[in-house]
Structures are given as C-alpha cells and as structure tokens.
C-alpha cells in the first residue's frame, strides 16, 4: 500500500473518493488527496474508473431495477467496509 509524503494511503483515498467527486472534501483533505494522486498510478486509474461508472450509471434509477437486484446492491453497499 502506497503512502505519499502527506500521509495519505491508497486505502484512505478510496474511502474519500466519493466526497472528492462531490466536491465536499475540506481544502486540506482535497490537497492531500490530489497530492497522493500525483504519484499513484493505481489511484488515478481507480478515480477514472469511478468517474466512468458514475457517468454510465447516471441514468439508472431505483425504480428501473428489478427488486432482487436492488436488494442485492443494497446488501453489497452495506457490507463493503466489513470485508
């Protein structure tokens, strides 16, 4: 796991990516996030993948999902930090 000079790890970046994309990171955290990105190809790829996923899924609504798919997705998102 890579750690940049500001102390941000790849794991921490992954946990902050949603706030970063929503523009809700405080300026200091945003600077640490971007500093880490400058030196980490894997995290840049991850951020690009998240942007693409958001773009592609932008038209997806809860109503358009089959009930079982909605249930499965909610379970996955609830459990993702437990892994």
PDB file of N, CA and C in Angstrom:
ATOM      1  N   UNK A   1       0.845  -1.178   0.000  1.00  0.00           N
ATOM      2  CA  UNK A   1       0.000   0.000   0.000  1.00  0.00           C
ATOM      3  C   UNK A   1       0.888   1.238   0.000  1.00  0.00           C
ATOM      4  N   UNK A   2       0.657   2.126  -0.951  1.00  0.00           N
ATOM      5  CA  UNK A   2       1.469   3.325  -1.090  1.00  0.00           C
ATOM      6  C   UNK A   2       1.028   4.396  -0.107  1.00  0.00           C
ATOM      7  N   UNK A   3       1.993   5.121   0.422  1.00  0.00           N
ATOM      8  CA  UNK A   3       1.704   6.269   1.269  1.00  0.00           C
ATOM      9  C   UNK A   3       2.551   7.432   0.777  1.00  0.00           C
ATOM     10  N   UNK A   4       1.893   8.566   0.495  1.00  0.00           N
ATOM     11  CA  UNK A   4       2.633   9.723  -0.009  1.00  0.00           C
ATOM     12  C   UNK A   4       3.188  10.553   1.151  1.00  0.00           C
ATOM     13  N   UNK A   5       3.979  11.580   0.843  1.00  0.00           N
ATOM     14  CA  UNK A   5       4.587  12.397   1.903  1.00  0.00           C
ATOM     15  C   UNK A   5       3.566  13.082   2.825  1.00  0.00           C
ATOM     16  N   UNK A   6       2.340  13.272   2.365  1.00  0.00           N
ATOM     17  CA  UNK A   6       1.332  13.913   3.218  1.00  0.00           C
ATOM     18  C   UNK A   6       0.671  12.904   4.144  1.00  0.00           C
ATOM     19  N   UNK A   7       1.000  11.623   3.982  1.00  0.00           N
ATOM     20  CA  UNK A   7       0.490  10.601   4.876  1.00  0.00           C
ATOM     21  C   UNK A   7      -0.771   9.900   4.405  1.00  0.00           C
ATOM     22  N   UNK A   8      -1.271  10.204   3.216  1.00  0.00           N
ATOM     23  CA  UNK A   8      -2.488   9.547   2.740  1.00  0.00           C
ATOM     24  C   UNK A   8      -2.132   8.214   2.101  1.00  0.00           C
ATOM     25  N   UNK A   9      -2.837   7.184   2.509  1.00  0.00           N
ATOM     26  CA  UNK A   9      -2.649   5.860   1.924  1.00  0.00           C
ATOM     27  C   UNK A   9      -3.657   5.663   0.791  1.00  0.00           C
ATOM     28  N   UNK A  10      -3.419   4.646  -0.012  1.00  0.00           N
ATOM     29  CA  UNK A  10      -4.358   4.307  -1.085  1.00  0.00           C
ATOM     30  C   UNK A  10      -5.723   3.952  -0.500  1.00  0.00           C
ATOM     31  N   UNK A  11      -5.728   3.235   0.593  1.00  0.00           N
ATOM     32  CA  UNK A  11      -6.986   2.851   1.241  1.00  0.00           C
ATOM     33  C   UNK A  11      -7.764   4.091   1.673  1.00  0.00           C
ATOM     34  N   UNK A  12      -7.075   5.057   2.247  1.00  0.00           N
ATOM     35  CA  UNK A  12      -7.742   6.291   2.673  1.00  0.00           C
ATOM     36  C   UNK A  12      -8.312   7.029   1.465  1.00  0.00           C
ATOM     37  N   UNK A  13      -7.561   7.086   0.373  1.00  0.00           N
ATOM     38  CA  UNK A  13      -8.054   7.740  -0.829  1.00  0.00           C
ATOM     39  C   UNK A  13      -9.337   7.077  -1.313  1.00  0.00           C
ATOM     40  N   UNK A  14      -9.360   5.759  -1.346  1.00  0.00           N
ATOM     41  CA  UNK A  14     -10.559   5.036  -1.788  1.00  0.00           C
ATOM     42  C   UNK A  14     -11.757   5.412  -0.921  1.00  0.00           C
ATOM     43  N   UNK A  15     -11.537   5.541   0.377  1.00  0.00           N
ATOM     44  CA  UNK A  15     -12.627   5.889   1.284  1.00  0.00           C
ATOM     45  C   UNK A  15     -13.116   7.325   1.087  1.00  0.00           C
ATOM     46  N   UNK A  16     -12.269   8.181   0.524  1.00  0.00           N
ATOM     47  CA  UNK A  16     -12.621   9.602   0.349  1.00  0.00           C
ATOM     48  C   UNK A  16     -13.065   9.945  -1.071  1.00  0.00           C
ATOM     49  N   UNK A  17     -13.014   8.990  -1.986  1.00  0.00           N
ATOM     50  CA  UNK A  17     -13.242   9.303  -3.399  1.00  0.00           C
ATOM     51  C   UNK A  17     -14.630   9.896  -3.651  1.00  0.00           C
ATOM     52  N   UNK A  18     -15.655   9.421  -2.976  1.00  0.00           N
ATOM     53  CA  UNK A  18     -16.995   9.964  -3.183  1.00  0.00           C
ATOM     54  C   UNK A  18     -17.056  11.423  -2.759  1.00  0.00           C
ATOM     55  N   UNK A  19     -16.513  11.726  -1.592  1.00  0.00           N
ATOM     56  CA  UNK A  19     -16.501  13.122  -1.136  1.00  0.00           C
ATOM     57  C   UNK A  19     -15.707  14.003  -2.096  1.00  0.00           C
ATOM     58  N   UNK A  20     -14.610  13.472  -2.618  1.00  0.00           N
ATOM     59  CA  UNK A  20     -13.801  14.226  -3.583  1.00  0.00           C
ATOM     60  C   UNK A  20     -14.615  14.539  -4.832  1.00  0.00           C
ATOM     61  N   UNK A  21     -15.267  13.530  -5.375  1.00  0.00           N
ATOM     62  CA  UNK A  21     -16.041  13.726  -6.606  1.00  0.00           C
ATOM     63  C   UNK A  21     -17.248  14.637  -6.390  1.00  0.00           C
ATOM     64  N   UNK A  22     -17.775  14.647  -5.188  1.00  0.00           N
ATOM     65  CA  UNK A  22     -18.907  15.520  -4.875  1.00  0.00           C
ATOM     66  C   UNK A  22     -18.455  16.930  -4.492  1.00  0.00           C
ATOM     67  N   UNK A  23     -17.135  17.124  -4.368  1.00  0.00           N
ATOM     68  CA  UNK A  23     -16.611  18.449  -4.013  1.00  0.00           C
ATOM     69  C   UNK A  23     -16.820  18.808  -2.558  1.00  0.00           C
ATOM     70  N   UNK A  24     -16.951  17.798  -1.704  1.00  0.00           N
ATOM     71  CA  UNK A  24     -17.242  18.090  -0.300  1.00  0.00           C
ATOM     72  C   UNK A  24     -16.051  17.875   0.644  1.00  0.00           C
ATOM     73  N   UNK A  25     -14.876  17.583   0.087  1.00  0.00           N
ATOM     74  CA  UNK A  25     -13.690  17.467   0.943  1.00  0.00           C
ATOM     75  C   UNK A  25     -13.241  18.856   1.379  1.00  0.00           C
ATOM     76  N   UNK A  26     -12.859  19.006   2.630  1.00  0.00           N
ATOM     77  CA  UNK A  26     -12.270  20.280   3.063  1.00  0.00           C
ATOM     78  C   UNK A  26     -10.989  20.542   2.261  1.00  0.00           C
ATOM     79  N   UNK A  27     -10.617  21.802   2.087  1.00  0.00           N
ATOM     80  CA  UNK A  27      -9.444  22.139   1.263  1.00  0.00           C
ATOM     81  C   UNK A  27      -8.168  21.383   1.636  1.00  0.00           C
ATOM     82  N   UNK A  28      -7.908  21.198   2.907  1.00  0.00           N
ATOM     83  CA  UNK A  28      -6.688  20.491   3.323  1.00  0.00           C
ATOM     84  C   UNK A  28      -6.727  19.035   2.880  1.00  0.00           C
ATOM     85  N   UNK A  29      -7.875  18.390   3.068  1.00  0.00           N
ATOM     86  CA  UNK A  29      -8.012  16.995   2.654  1.00  0.00           C
ATOM     87  C   UNK A  29      -7.956  16.871   1.137  1.00  0.00           C
ATOM     88  N   UNK A  30      -8.564  17.821   0.439  1.00  0.00           N
ATOM     89  CA  UNK A  30      -8.531  17.809  -1.029  1.00  0.00           C
ATOM     90  C   UNK A  30      -7.085  17.905  -1.527  1.00  0.00           C
ATOM     91  N   UNK A  31      -6.292  18.765  -0.893  1.00  0.00           N
ATOM     92  CA  UNK A  31      -4.881  18.911  -1.275  1.00  0.00           C
ATOM     93  C   UNK A  31      -4.117  17.610  -1.029  1.00  0.00           C
ATOM     94  N   UNK A  32      -4.361  16.958   0.103  1.00  0.00           N
ATOM     95  CA  UNK A  32      -3.708  15.673   0.395  1.00  0.00           C
ATOM     96  C   UNK A  32      -4.120  14.624  -0.636  1.00  0.00           C
ATOM     97  N   UNK A  33      -5.423  14.605  -0.961  1.00  0.00           N
ATOM     98  CA  UNK A  33      -5.960  13.664  -1.937  1.00  0.00           C
ATOM     99  C   UNK A  33      -5.265  13.855  -3.284  1.00  0.00           C
ATOM    100  N   UNK A  34      -5.219  15.089  -3.734  1.00  0.00           N
ATOM    101  CA  UNK A  34      -4.618  15.384  -5.040  1.00  0.00           C
ATOM    102  C   UNK A  34      -3.115  15.152  -5.046  1.00  0.00           C
ATOM    103  N   UNK A  35      -2.454  15.400  -3.920  1.00  0.00           N
ATOM    104  CA  UNK A  35      -1.025  15.123  -3.811  1.00  0.00           C
ATOM    105  C   UNK A  35      -0.767  13.623  -3.959  1.00  0.00           C
ATOM    106  N   UNK A  36      -1.604  12.831  -3.333  1.00  0.00           N
ATOM    107  CA  UNK A  36      -1.458  11.383  -3.449  1.00  0.00           C
ATOM    108  C   UNK A  36      -1.668  10.938  -4.898  1.00  0.00           C
ATOM    109  N   UNK A  37      -2.670  11.503  -5.558  1.00  0.00           N
ATOM    110  CA  UNK A  37      -2.950  11.150  -6.951  1.00  0.00           C
ATOM    111  C   UNK A  37      -1.763  11.422  -7.869  1.00  0.00           C
ATOM    112  N   UNK A  38      -1.038  12.503  -7.594  1.00  0.00           N
ATOM    113  CA  UNK A  38       0.096  12.878  -8.448  1.00  0.00           C
ATOM    114  C   UNK A  38       1.135  11.768  -8.553  1.00  0.00           C
ATOM    115  N   UNK A  39       1.282  10.998  -7.492  1.00  0.00           N
ATOM    116  CA  UNK A  39       2.322   9.976  -7.504  1.00  0.00           C
ATOM    117  C   UNK A  39       1.822   8.546  -7.518  1.00  0.00           C
ATOM    118  N   UNK A  40       0.519   8.351  -7.730  1.00  0.00           N
ATOM    119  CA  UNK A  40      -0.013   6.996  -7.627  1.00  0.00           C
ATOM    120  C   UNK A  40      -0.871   6.651  -8.848  1.00  0.00           C
ATOM    121  N   UNK A  41      -0.270   5.901  -9.764  1.00  0.00           N
ATOM    122  CA  UNK A  41      -0.990   5.493 -10.982  1.00  0.00           C
ATOM    123  C   UNK A  41      -2.238   4.669 -10.660  1.00  0.00           C
ATOM    124  N   UNK A  42      -2.143   3.783  -9.684  1.00  0.00           N
ATOM    125  CA  UNK A  42      -3.287   2.932  -9.345  1.00  0.00           C
ATOM    126  C   UNK A  42      -4.478   3.754  -8.848  1.00  0.00           C
ATOM    127  N   UNK A  43      -4.225   4.730  -8.024  1.00  0.00           N
ATOM    128  CA  UNK A  43      -5.318   5.561  -7.509  1.00  0.00           C
ATOM    129  C   UNK A  43      -5.891   6.448  -8.609  1.00  0.00           C
ATOM    130  N   UNK A  44      -5.056   6.915  -9.519  1.00  0.00           N
ATOM    131  CA  UNK A  44      -5.581   7.691 -10.655  1.00  0.00           C
ATOM    132  C   UNK A  44      -6.493   6.829 -11.513  1.00  0.00           C
ATOM    133  N   UNK A  45      -6.086   5.587 -11.746  1.00  0.00           N
ATOM    134  CA  UNK A  45      -6.934   4.658 -12.507  1.00  0.00           C
ATOM    135  C   UNK A  45      -8.250   4.410 -11.772  1.00  0.00           C
ATOM    136  N   UNK A  46      -8.170   4.217 -10.461  1.00  0.00           N
ATOM    137  CA  UNK A  46      -9.375   3.984  -9.667  1.00  0.00           C
ATOM    138  C   UNK A  46     -10.321   5.180  -9.759  1.00  0.00           C
ATOM    139  N   UNK A  47      -9.780   6.378  -9.636  1.00  0.00           N
ATOM    140  CA  UNK A  47     -10.603   7.585  -9.735  1.00  0.00           C
ATOM    141  C   UNK A  47     -11.245   7.678 -11.116  1.00  0.00           C
ATOM    142  N   UNK A  48     -10.491   7.393 -12.155  1.00  0.00           N
ATOM    143  CA  UNK A  48     -11.049   7.408 -13.514  1.00  0.00           C
ATOM    144  C   UNK A  48     -12.161   6.374 -13.665  1.00  0.00           C
ATOM    145  N   UNK A  49     -11.960   5.192 -13.088  1.00  0.00           N
ATOM    146  CA  UNK A  49     -13.000   4.151 -13.146  1.00  0.00           C
ATOM    147  C   UNK A  49     -14.267   4.605 -12.424  1.00  0.00           C
ATOM    148  N   UNK A  50     -14.096   5.255 -11.289  1.00  0.00           N
ATOM    149  CA  UNK A  50     -15.265   5.752 -10.547  1.00  0.00           C
ATOM    150  C   UNK A  50     -16.002   6.820 -11.359  1.00  0.00           C
ATOM    151  N   UNK A  51     -15.269   7.712 -11.994  1.00  0.00           N
ATOM    152  CA  UNK A  51     -15.900   8.736 -12.830  1.00  0.00           C
ATOM    153  C   UNK A  51     -16.674   8.098 -13.983  1.00  0.00           C
ATOM    154  N   UNK A  52     -16.082   7.102 -14.630  1.00  0.00           N
ATOM    155  CA  UNK A  52     -16.751   6.406 -15.730  1.00  0.00           C
ATOM    156  C   UNK A  52     -17.999   5.680 -15.237  1.00  0.00           C
ATOM    157  N   UNK A  53     -17.892   5.043 -14.089  1.00  0.00           N
ATOM    158  CA  UNK A  53     -19.040   4.322 -13.520  1.00  0.00           C
ATOM    159  C   UNK A  53     -20.181   5.291 -13.231  1.00  0.00           C
ATOM    160  N   UNK A  54     -19.874   6.410 -12.621  1.00  0.00           N
ATOM    161  CA  UNK A  54     -20.900   7.408 -12.316  1.00  0.00           C
ATOM    162  C   UNK A  54     -21.536   7.913 -13.597  1.00  0.00           C
ATOM    163  N   UNK A  55     -20.721   8.164 -14.596  1.00  0.00           N
ATOM    164  CA  UNK A  55     -21.243   8.647 -15.878  1.00  0.00           C
ATOM    165  C   UNK A  55     -22.179   7.610 -16.511  1.00  0.00           C
ATOM    166  N   UNK A  56     -21.742   6.358 -16.538  1.00  0.00           N
ATOM    167  CA  UNK A  56     -22.524   5.304 -17.172  1.00  0.00           C
ATOM    168  C   UNK A  56     -23.794   4.968 -16.392  1.00  0.00           C
ATOM    169  N   UNK A  57     -23.737   5.101 -15.091  1.00  0.00           N
ATOM    170  CA  UNK A  57     -24.879   4.730 -14.261  1.00  0.00           C
ATOM    171  C   UNK A  57     -25.789   5.917 -13.962  1.00  0.00           C
ATOM    172  N   UNK A  58     -25.452   7.068 -14.477  1.00  0.00           N
ATOM    173  CA  UNK A  58     -26.215   8.281 -14.173  1.00  0.00           C
ATOM    174  C   UNK A  58     -27.697   8.182 -14.475  1.00  0.00           C
ATOM    175  N   UNK A  59     -28.068   7.395 -15.460  1.00  0.00           N
ATOM    176  CA  UNK A  59     -29.482   7.303 -15.825  1.00  0.00           C
ATOM    177  C   UNK A  59     -30.196   6.177 -15.098  1.00  0.00           C
ATOM    178  N   UNK A  60     -29.493   5.418 -14.296  1.00  0.00           N
ATOM    179  CA  UNK A  60     -30.085   4.306 -13.571  1.00  0.00           C
ATOM    180  C   UNK A  60     -30.844   4.835 -12.358  1.00  0.00           C
ATOM    181  N   UNK A  61     -32.083   4.428 -12.208  1.00  0.00           N
ATOM    182  CA  UNK A  61     -32.878   4.821 -11.045  1.00  0.00           C
ATOM    183  C   UNK A  61     -33.269   3.583 -10.255  1.00  0.00           C
ATOM    184  N   UNK A  62     -33.612   3.776  -9.002  1.00  0.00           N
ATOM    185  CA  UNK A  62     -34.051   2.655  -8.166  1.00  0.00           C
ATOM    186  C   UNK A  62     -35.273   1.979  -8.773  1.00  0.00           C
ATOM    187  N   UNK A  63     -36.141   2.763  -9.383  1.00  0.00           N
ATOM    188  CA  UNK A  63     -37.361   2.215  -9.977  1.00  0.00           C
ATOM    189  C   UNK A  63     -37.071   1.336 -11.193  1.00  0.00           C
ATOM    190  N   UNK A  64     -35.944   1.551 -11.846  1.00  0.00           N
ATOM    191  CA  UNK A  64     -35.630   0.771 -13.045  1.00  0.00           C
ATOM    192  C   UNK A  64     -34.995  -0.588 -12.724  1.00  0.00           C
ATOM    193  N   UNK A  65     -34.679  -0.811 -11.457  1.00  0.00           N
ATOM    194  CA  UNK A  65     -34.055  -2.073 -11.055  1.00  0.00           C
ATOM    195  C   UNK A  65     -35.100  -3.119 -10.699  1.00  0.00           C
ATOM    196  N   UNK A  66     -34.772  -4.358 -11.014  1.00  0.00           N
ATOM    197  CA  UNK A  66     -35.587  -5.477 -10.548  1.00  0.00           C
ATOM    198  C   UNK A  66     -35.484  -5.485  -9.009  1.00  0.00           C
ATOM    199  N   UNK A  67     -36.541  -5.842  -8.309  1.00  0.00           N
ATOM    200  CA  UNK A  67     -36.492  -5.824  -6.840  1.00  0.00           C
ATOM    201  C   UNK A  67     -35.320  -6.610  -6.250  1.00  0.00           C
ATOM    202  N   UNK A  68     -35.006  -7.794  -6.797  1.00  0.00           N
ATOM    203  CA  UNK A  68     -33.905  -8.586  -6.247  1.00  0.00           C
ATOM    204  C   UNK A  68     -32.558  -7.917  -6.494  1.00  0.00           C
ATOM    205  N   UNK A  69     -32.395  -7.280  -7.631  1.00  0.00           N
ATOM    206  CA  UNK A  69     -31.145  -6.571  -7.932  1.00  0.00           C
ATOM    207  C   UNK A  69     -30.963  -5.424  -6.944  1.00  0.00           C
ATOM    208  N   UNK A  70     -32.028  -4.690  -6.691  1.00  0.00           N
ATOM    209  CA  UNK A  70     -31.971  -3.580  -5.732  1.00  0.00           C
ATOM    210  C   UNK A  70     -31.578  -4.106  -4.349  1.00  0.00           C
ATOM    211  N   UNK A  71     -32.189  -5.190  -3.916  1.00  0.00           N
ATOM    212  CA  UNK A  71     -31.869  -5.793  -2.622  1.00  0.00           C
ATOM    213  C   UNK A  71     -30.411  -6.231  -2.565  1.00  0.00           C
ATOM    214  N   UNK A  72     -29.943  -6.889  -3.621  1.00  0.00           N
ATOM    215  CA  UNK A  72     -28.555  -7.360  -3.666  1.00  0.00           C
ATOM    216  C   UNK A  72     -27.563  -6.203  -3.621  1.00  0.00           C
ATOM    217  N   UNK A  73     -27.826  -5.156  -4.386  1.00  0.00           N
ATOM    218  CA  UNK A  73     -26.930  -3.997  -4.403  1.00  0.00           C
ATOM    219  C   UNK A  73     -26.875  -3.316  -3.046  1.00  0.00           C
ATOM    220  N   UNK A  74     -28.019  -3.141  -2.419  1.00  0.00           N
ATOM    221  CA  UNK A  74     -28.040  -2.514  -1.098  1.00  0.00           C
ATOM    222  C   UNK A  74     -27.254  -3.337  -0.087  1.00  0.00           C
ATOM    223  N   UNK A  75     -27.363  -4.651  -0.153  1.00  0.00           N
ATOM    224  CA  UNK A  75     -26.605  -5.514   0.748  1.00  0.00           C
ATOM    225  C   UNK A  75     -25.103  -5.359   0.504  1.00  0.00           C
ATOM    226  N   UNK A  76     -24.700  -5.349  -0.735  1.00  0.00           N
ATOM    227  CA  UNK A  76     -23.281  -5.197  -1.067  1.00  0.00           C
ATOM    228  C   UNK A  76     -22.743  -3.881  -0.527  1.00  0.00           C
ATOM    229  N   UNK A  77     -23.487  -2.794  -0.731  1.00  0.00           N
ATOM    230  CA  UNK A  77     -23.009  -1.488  -0.268  1.00  0.00           C
ATOM    231  C   UNK A  77     -22.986  -1.394   1.252  1.00  0.00           C
ATOM    232  N   UNK A  78     -23.916  -2.047   1.914  1.00  0.00           N
ATOM    233  CA  UNK A  78     -23.914  -2.029   3.381  1.00  0.00           C
ATOM    234  C   UNK A  78     -22.733  -2.811   3.944  1.00  0.00           C
ATOM    235  N   UNK A  79     -22.365  -3.876   3.257  1.00  0.00           N
ATOM    236  CA  UNK A  79     -21.332  -4.789   3.765  1.00  0.00           C
ATOM    237  C   UNK A  79     -19.923  -4.481   3.263  1.00  0.00           C
ATOM    238  N   UNK A  80     -19.733  -3.510   2.374  1.00  0.00           N
ATOM    239  CA  UNK A  80     -18.438  -3.365   1.719  1.00  0.00           C
ATOM    240  C   UNK A  80     -17.302  -3.050   2.680  1.00  0.00           C
ATOM    241  N   UNK A  81     -17.545  -2.326   3.770  1.00  0.00           N
ATOM    242  CA  UNK A  81     -16.457  -1.997   4.696  1.00  0.00           C
ATOM    243  C   UNK A  81     -16.117  -3.160   5.631  1.00  0.00           C
ATOM    244  N   UNK A  82     -16.991  -4.143   5.707  1.00  0.00           N
ATOM    245  CA  UNK A  82     -16.757  -5.280   6.590  1.00  0.00           C
ATOM    246  C   UNK A  82     -15.726  -6.235   6.003  1.00  0.00           C
ATOM    247  N   UNK A  83     -15.421  -6.112   4.731  1.00  0.00           N
ATOM    248  CA  UNK A  83     -14.506  -7.052   4.066  1.00  0.00           C
ATOM    249  C   UNK A  83     -13.079  -6.656   4.223  1.00  0.00           C
TER     250      UNK A  83
END
